[in-house]
Each structure stands twice: as C-alpha cells, then as structure tokens.
N, C-alpha and C. Protein backbone atom coordinates (compact mmCIF):
# COMPACT_ATOMS: atom_id res chain seq x y z
N MET A 1 -44.96 -7.70 11.89
CA MET A 1 -44.36 -7.73 10.58
C MET A 1 -43.68 -6.39 10.31
N ARG A 2 -42.47 -6.47 9.82
CA ARG A 2 -41.70 -5.25 9.59
C ARG A 2 -41.98 -4.65 8.24
N THR A 3 -41.86 -3.34 8.20
CA THR A 3 -41.98 -2.67 6.92
C THR A 3 -40.63 -2.75 6.21
N VAL A 4 -40.61 -2.37 4.97
CA VAL A 4 -39.37 -2.41 4.20
C VAL A 4 -38.32 -1.51 4.83
N TYR A 5 -38.74 -0.35 5.27
CA TYR A 5 -37.81 0.60 5.90
C TYR A 5 -37.19 0.02 7.16
N GLU A 6 -38.01 -0.61 8.01
CA GLU A 6 -37.49 -1.21 9.24
C GLU A 6 -36.53 -2.35 8.94
N ARG A 7 -36.83 -3.12 7.90
CA ARG A 7 -35.96 -4.23 7.51
C ARG A 7 -34.60 -3.71 7.05
N GLU A 8 -34.59 -2.61 6.29
CA GLU A 8 -33.33 -2.02 5.83
C GLU A 8 -32.51 -1.50 7.00
N ILE A 9 -33.17 -0.91 7.98
CA ILE A 9 -32.46 -0.41 9.16
C ILE A 9 -31.85 -1.59 9.93
N ALA A 10 -32.58 -2.68 10.05
CA ALA A 10 -32.07 -3.85 10.75
C ALA A 10 -30.86 -4.44 10.01
N ASN A 11 -30.92 -4.49 8.69
CA ASN A 11 -29.79 -5.00 7.91
C ASN A 11 -28.57 -4.11 8.05
N ALA A 12 -28.77 -2.80 8.04
CA ALA A 12 -27.66 -1.86 8.22
C ALA A 12 -27.04 -2.04 9.60
N ALA A 13 -27.86 -2.28 10.61
CA ALA A 13 -27.34 -2.48 11.96
C ALA A 13 -26.50 -3.76 12.02
N LYS A 14 -26.92 -4.81 11.32
CA LYS A 14 -26.14 -6.05 11.29
C LYS A 14 -24.78 -5.82 10.65
N ILE A 15 -24.75 -5.06 9.56
CA ILE A 15 -23.49 -4.79 8.87
C ILE A 15 -22.57 -3.97 9.77
N GLU A 16 -23.11 -2.94 10.41
CA GLU A 16 -22.30 -2.12 11.32
C GLU A 16 -21.75 -2.96 12.46
N ARG A 17 -22.58 -3.84 12.99
CA ARG A 17 -22.14 -4.70 14.08
C ARG A 17 -21.00 -5.61 13.62
N ALA A 18 -21.08 -6.14 12.40
CA ALA A 18 -20.04 -7.02 11.89
C ALA A 18 -18.72 -6.26 11.73
N ILE A 19 -18.80 -5.02 11.29
CA ILE A 19 -17.59 -4.23 11.11
C ILE A 19 -16.98 -3.87 12.47
N VAL A 20 -17.81 -3.44 13.41
CA VAL A 20 -17.32 -3.04 14.73
C VAL A 20 -16.76 -4.23 15.49
N GLN A 21 -17.40 -5.37 15.39
CA GLN A 21 -16.95 -6.54 16.13
C GLN A 21 -15.79 -7.25 15.45
N GLY A 22 -15.44 -6.84 14.26
CA GLY A 22 -14.28 -7.42 13.60
C GLY A 22 -14.56 -8.68 12.81
N THR A 23 -15.80 -8.97 12.49
CA THR A 23 -16.10 -10.18 11.72
C THR A 23 -16.22 -9.88 10.23
N ALA A 24 -15.93 -8.65 9.83
CA ALA A 24 -15.98 -8.31 8.41
C ALA A 24 -14.84 -9.02 7.69
N ARG A 25 -15.12 -9.51 6.50
CA ARG A 25 -14.14 -10.25 5.72
C ARG A 25 -13.22 -9.28 4.99
N LEU A 26 -11.93 -9.47 5.18
CA LEU A 26 -10.96 -8.66 4.46
C LEU A 26 -10.34 -9.50 3.35
N CYS A 27 -9.97 -8.84 2.28
CA CYS A 27 -9.37 -9.51 1.14
C CYS A 27 -7.90 -9.78 1.40
N ASN A 28 -7.27 -10.46 0.49
CA ASN A 28 -5.86 -10.79 0.59
C ASN A 28 -5.04 -9.50 0.59
N PRO A 29 -4.14 -9.34 1.56
CA PRO A 29 -3.36 -8.10 1.64
C PRO A 29 -2.17 -8.04 0.68
N ALA A 30 -1.97 -9.05 -0.15
CA ALA A 30 -0.81 -9.07 -1.05
C ALA A 30 -0.84 -7.91 -2.03
N PHE A 31 -2.01 -7.55 -2.53
CA PHE A 31 -2.11 -6.43 -3.47
C PHE A 31 -1.66 -5.14 -2.80
N GLY A 32 -2.09 -4.90 -1.58
CA GLY A 32 -1.71 -3.70 -0.86
C GLY A 32 -0.22 -3.65 -0.58
N ARG A 33 0.37 -4.78 -0.20
CA ARG A 33 1.81 -4.81 0.06
C ARG A 33 2.59 -4.53 -1.22
N ALA A 34 2.12 -5.09 -2.34
CA ALA A 34 2.81 -4.85 -3.61
C ALA A 34 2.71 -3.38 -4.00
N CYS A 35 1.55 -2.79 -3.81
CA CYS A 35 1.38 -1.36 -4.13
C CYS A 35 2.28 -0.50 -3.26
N LYS A 36 2.36 -0.82 -1.96
CA LYS A 36 3.22 -0.05 -1.06
C LYS A 36 4.69 -0.21 -1.45
N GLY A 37 5.06 -1.36 -1.97
CA GLY A 37 6.44 -1.57 -2.41
C GLY A 37 6.78 -0.77 -3.66
N VAL A 38 5.82 -0.67 -4.57
CA VAL A 38 6.05 0.04 -5.83
C VAL A 38 5.93 1.55 -5.62
N TRP A 39 4.91 1.98 -4.88
CA TRP A 39 4.68 3.40 -4.63
C TRP A 39 4.69 3.64 -3.11
N PRO A 40 5.86 3.79 -2.49
CA PRO A 40 5.90 3.92 -1.03
C PRO A 40 5.33 5.23 -0.49
N ILE A 41 5.29 6.27 -1.30
CA ILE A 41 4.77 7.56 -0.85
C ILE A 41 3.48 7.85 -1.61
N LYS A 42 2.42 8.22 -0.85
CA LYS A 42 1.11 8.54 -1.42
C LYS A 42 0.62 7.40 -2.34
N THR A 43 0.56 6.22 -1.78
CA THR A 43 0.20 5.02 -2.54
C THR A 43 -1.20 5.13 -3.13
N ALA A 44 -2.17 5.46 -2.33
CA ALA A 44 -3.56 5.52 -2.80
C ALA A 44 -3.73 6.61 -3.85
N GLU A 45 -3.10 7.75 -3.64
CA GLU A 45 -3.22 8.85 -4.60
C GLU A 45 -2.61 8.48 -5.94
N THR A 46 -1.46 7.81 -5.91
CA THR A 46 -0.80 7.40 -7.15
C THR A 46 -1.63 6.37 -7.91
N LEU A 47 -2.12 5.37 -7.19
CA LEU A 47 -2.95 4.35 -7.83
C LEU A 47 -4.22 4.95 -8.41
N ALA A 48 -4.84 5.85 -7.68
CA ALA A 48 -6.07 6.49 -8.15
C ALA A 48 -5.80 7.30 -9.42
N ALA A 49 -4.67 7.98 -9.47
CA ALA A 49 -4.34 8.78 -10.65
C ALA A 49 -4.10 7.89 -11.86
N LEU A 50 -3.45 6.76 -11.66
CA LEU A 50 -3.17 5.86 -12.79
C LEU A 50 -4.43 5.16 -13.29
N VAL A 51 -5.30 4.79 -12.36
CA VAL A 51 -6.49 4.02 -12.72
C VAL A 51 -7.64 4.93 -13.14
N GLY A 52 -7.71 6.09 -12.54
CA GLY A 52 -8.82 6.99 -12.82
C GLY A 52 -10.01 6.76 -11.91
N CYS A 53 -9.73 6.40 -10.68
CA CYS A 53 -10.79 6.18 -9.71
C CYS A 53 -10.61 7.16 -8.56
N ALA A 54 -11.50 7.10 -7.59
CA ALA A 54 -11.41 7.96 -6.42
C ALA A 54 -10.29 7.47 -5.50
N VAL A 55 -9.71 8.39 -4.76
CA VAL A 55 -8.64 8.03 -3.83
C VAL A 55 -9.17 7.09 -2.76
N ARG A 56 -10.40 7.30 -2.33
CA ARG A 56 -11.00 6.43 -1.32
C ARG A 56 -11.13 5.00 -1.83
N THR A 57 -11.52 4.85 -3.09
CA THR A 57 -11.63 3.52 -3.68
C THR A 57 -10.27 2.83 -3.72
N ALA A 58 -9.26 3.57 -4.13
CA ALA A 58 -7.91 3.01 -4.17
C ALA A 58 -7.44 2.63 -2.77
N ALA A 59 -7.76 3.46 -1.78
CA ALA A 59 -7.37 3.16 -0.40
C ALA A 59 -8.05 1.90 0.10
N TYR A 60 -9.32 1.71 -0.25
CA TYR A 60 -10.02 0.48 0.14
C TYR A 60 -9.37 -0.75 -0.50
N GLU A 61 -8.97 -0.63 -1.75
CA GLU A 61 -8.33 -1.76 -2.42
C GLU A 61 -6.98 -2.07 -1.79
N ILE A 62 -6.22 -1.04 -1.44
CA ILE A 62 -4.90 -1.24 -0.85
C ILE A 62 -5.01 -1.83 0.55
N SER A 63 -6.00 -1.38 1.31
CA SER A 63 -6.16 -1.87 2.68
C SER A 63 -6.72 -3.28 2.74
N GLY A 64 -7.30 -3.75 1.66
CA GLY A 64 -7.88 -5.09 1.65
C GLY A 64 -9.34 -5.13 1.99
N GLU A 65 -9.97 -3.97 2.13
CA GLU A 65 -11.40 -3.94 2.42
C GLU A 65 -12.23 -4.24 1.18
N ARG A 66 -11.63 -4.11 0.02
CA ARG A 66 -12.33 -4.36 -1.24
C ARG A 66 -11.36 -5.07 -2.19
N GLU A 67 -11.89 -5.97 -2.99
CA GLU A 67 -11.06 -6.64 -4.00
C GLU A 67 -10.55 -5.61 -4.99
N PRO A 68 -9.30 -5.71 -5.41
CA PRO A 68 -8.79 -4.76 -6.40
C PRO A 68 -9.46 -4.95 -7.76
N SER A 69 -9.71 -3.85 -8.43
CA SER A 69 -10.32 -3.93 -9.76
C SER A 69 -9.30 -4.41 -10.77
N ALA A 70 -9.77 -4.81 -11.92
CA ALA A 70 -8.88 -5.28 -12.98
C ALA A 70 -7.96 -4.14 -13.44
N ARG A 71 -8.49 -2.93 -13.47
CA ARG A 71 -7.66 -1.78 -13.87
C ARG A 71 -6.56 -1.52 -12.85
N SER A 72 -6.84 -1.71 -11.58
CA SER A 72 -5.83 -1.53 -10.55
C SER A 72 -4.73 -2.58 -10.66
N VAL A 73 -5.14 -3.81 -10.87
CA VAL A 73 -4.16 -4.89 -11.03
C VAL A 73 -3.31 -4.65 -12.28
N ALA A 74 -3.95 -4.22 -13.37
CA ALA A 74 -3.21 -3.93 -14.59
C ALA A 74 -2.22 -2.79 -14.39
N ALA A 75 -2.61 -1.76 -13.65
CA ALA A 75 -1.70 -0.64 -13.39
C ALA A 75 -0.50 -1.10 -12.57
N LEU A 76 -0.73 -1.95 -11.60
CA LEU A 76 0.36 -2.47 -10.78
C LEU A 76 1.30 -3.33 -11.61
N ILE A 77 0.75 -4.22 -12.39
CA ILE A 77 1.58 -5.09 -13.23
C ILE A 77 2.37 -4.26 -14.24
N SER A 78 1.74 -3.25 -14.81
CA SER A 78 2.42 -2.38 -15.77
C SER A 78 3.59 -1.65 -15.12
N GLU A 79 3.39 -1.20 -13.89
CA GLU A 79 4.45 -0.49 -13.19
C GLU A 79 5.59 -1.44 -12.80
N ILE A 80 5.25 -2.66 -12.41
CA ILE A 80 6.27 -3.63 -12.02
C ILE A 80 7.11 -4.05 -13.21
N THR A 81 6.45 -4.24 -14.36
CA THR A 81 7.17 -4.74 -15.53
C THR A 81 7.73 -3.64 -16.42
N LYS A 82 7.64 -2.40 -15.96
CA LYS A 82 8.16 -1.27 -16.73
C LYS A 82 9.68 -1.42 -16.88
N ARG A 83 10.14 -1.23 -18.11
CA ARG A 83 11.57 -1.36 -18.35
C ARG A 83 12.26 -0.01 -18.12
N PRO A 84 13.45 -0.04 -17.47
CA PRO A 84 14.14 1.21 -17.20
C PRO A 84 14.76 1.85 -18.42
C-alpha cells in the first residue's frame, strides 16, 4: 500500500510521461493565431500587460497549453473592435 507521498510522486510521473510522449491535450489554437495577428511583436508581453497577468500565463494561453481567461478574450476582442 502506497503512502500519500508515493501516490503523489506516481501521479506526477504520469503527467510528465503524458507531456513527454505528446498525449497532453492542447486547446484550440485560434486564440493564439488571433493574438499573433493583432500583436505580431512581443505577443505574450503585450497580452500580459493588458490583462494584468504573468507573461508565462499569457504565453501558455497563446500557445494553446491553457484555455484563455475571460479577461484575455475580452482584451483581444477590445483590441480587434477598437475604432481608428
């Protein structure tokens, strides 16, 4: 019988294996493509500044590793619909 600590290590190993073997689920890349179209230079930094999150979080959302937050989607829509 495993202890709690051993069980957590086994679960972490399963997650690492899924990422390394490529079975990790990625989100829809449409958000990332739209962000790259609106902000072609320093995309993650710009999104992070507008939303108020970490650059790493914005990069995960753009790459599709994480679902975009509502604030990120709102910032993108606001930038797209901005009138000149």
